[in-house]
Amino acid sequence: MSLKDQFEAAVADSKNLPERPDNMTLLKIYALFKQASSGDVEGSRPGFTDMVGRAKYDAWAGLKGTSSEEAMQQYIDLIESLK
């Protein structure tokens, strides 16, 4: 099974976790997904009134320079640990 196949399976699994992860874990899941699928963060940081948008942006920006493959592997490992 290729890394991409494993990643897609983990994305599907992420929607059926036994319990909802805490917000920090959800941010990590989001950031790893975006890094794996879109590469480094783009665009400007949302304004201070958009707290959720800022948190998501900052989490994704924290992975800058991480390869798509590395982000996929970290995503897979994280989802596996939550199952």
Protein backbone atom coordinates (compact mmCIF):
# COMPACT_ATOMS: atom_id res chain seq x y z
CA MET A 1 0.00 0.00 0.00
CA SER A 2 1.49 3.34 -1.02
CA LEU A 3 1.98 6.24 1.37
CA LYS A 4 -0.74 8.16 -0.47
CA ASP A 5 -3.17 5.22 -0.04
CA GLN A 6 -2.32 5.00 3.67
CA PHE A 7 -2.82 8.76 3.99
CA GLU A 8 -6.23 8.62 2.30
CA ALA A 9 -7.25 5.74 4.58
CA ALA A 10 -6.14 7.77 7.62
CA VAL A 11 -8.18 10.76 6.38
CA ALA A 12 -11.24 8.50 6.21
CA ASP A 13 -10.42 7.07 9.67
CA SER A 14 -10.11 10.59 11.09
CA LYS A 15 -13.83 11.10 10.53
CA ASN A 16 -14.68 8.00 12.61
CA LEU A 17 -12.50 8.33 15.69
CA PRO A 18 -13.95 6.84 18.92
CA GLU A 19 -13.86 10.24 20.61
CA ARG A 20 -13.32 13.82 19.51
CA PRO A 21 -9.68 14.87 19.98
CA ASP A 22 -8.87 17.97 22.01
CA ASN A 23 -8.42 21.27 20.19
CA MET A 24 -4.60 21.11 20.09
CA THR A 25 -4.77 17.65 18.51
CA LEU A 26 -7.41 18.84 16.04
CA LEU A 27 -5.10 21.71 15.04
CA LYS A 28 -2.24 19.26 14.51
CA ILE A 29 -4.48 17.02 12.37
CA TYR A 30 -5.56 20.05 10.31
CA ALA A 31 -2.01 21.36 9.89
CA LEU A 32 -0.57 17.98 8.87
CA PHE A 33 -3.41 17.46 6.38
CA LYS A 34 -2.86 20.89 4.81
CA GLN A 35 0.93 20.45 4.69
CA ALA A 36 0.57 16.98 3.14
CA SER A 37 -2.00 18.06 0.55
CA SER A 38 -1.06 21.69 -0.19
CA GLY A 39 2.55 22.20 0.91
CA ASP A 40 3.73 25.25 2.82
CA VAL A 41 1.20 27.75 4.13
CA GLU A 42 0.13 30.50 1.73
CA GLY A 43 -1.70 33.77 2.08
CA SER A 44 -1.70 36.20 4.96
CA ARG A 45 -2.47 35.47 8.59
CA PRO A 46 -6.14 36.10 9.48
CA GLY A 47 -6.93 39.17 11.59
CA PHE A 48 -7.26 39.09 15.37
CA THR A 49 -11.05 38.78 15.20
CA ASP A 50 -10.72 35.36 13.53
CA MET A 51 -9.25 33.34 16.41
CA VAL A 52 -9.92 29.93 14.85
CA GLY A 53 -8.50 31.01 11.50
CA ARG A 54 -5.39 32.37 13.21
CA ALA A 55 -4.86 29.19 15.21
CA LYS A 56 -5.22 27.07 12.06
CA TYR A 57 -2.87 29.33 10.11
CA ASP A 58 -0.25 29.29 12.89
CA ALA A 59 -0.42 25.50 13.26
CA TRP A 60 0.07 25.06 9.51
CA ALA A 61 2.83 27.69 9.38
CA GLY A 62 4.64 25.74 12.11
CA LEU A 63 5.16 22.90 9.63
CA LYS A 64 6.79 25.09 6.96
CA GLY A 65 9.50 23.17 5.15
CA THR A 66 8.10 19.74 6.08
CA SER A 67 7.87 17.55 2.99
CA SER A 68 4.50 16.30 1.81
CA GLU A 69 5.62 12.70 2.44
CA GLU A 70 6.80 13.47 5.98
CA ALA A 71 3.53 15.29 6.75
CA MET A 72 1.54 12.33 5.39
CA GLN A 73 3.50 9.91 7.60
CA GLN A 74 3.03 12.08 10.70
CA TYR A 75 -0.70 12.38 9.91
CA ILE A 76 -1.03 8.59 9.53
CA ASP A 77 0.86 8.01 12.81
CA LEU A 78 -1.26 10.57 14.67
CA ILE A 79 -4.58 9.13 13.46
CA GLU A 80 -3.39 5.60 14.31
CA SER A 81 -2.57 6.75 17.85
CA LEU A 82 -6.11 8.14 18.25
CA LYS A 83 -7.94 5.01 17.10
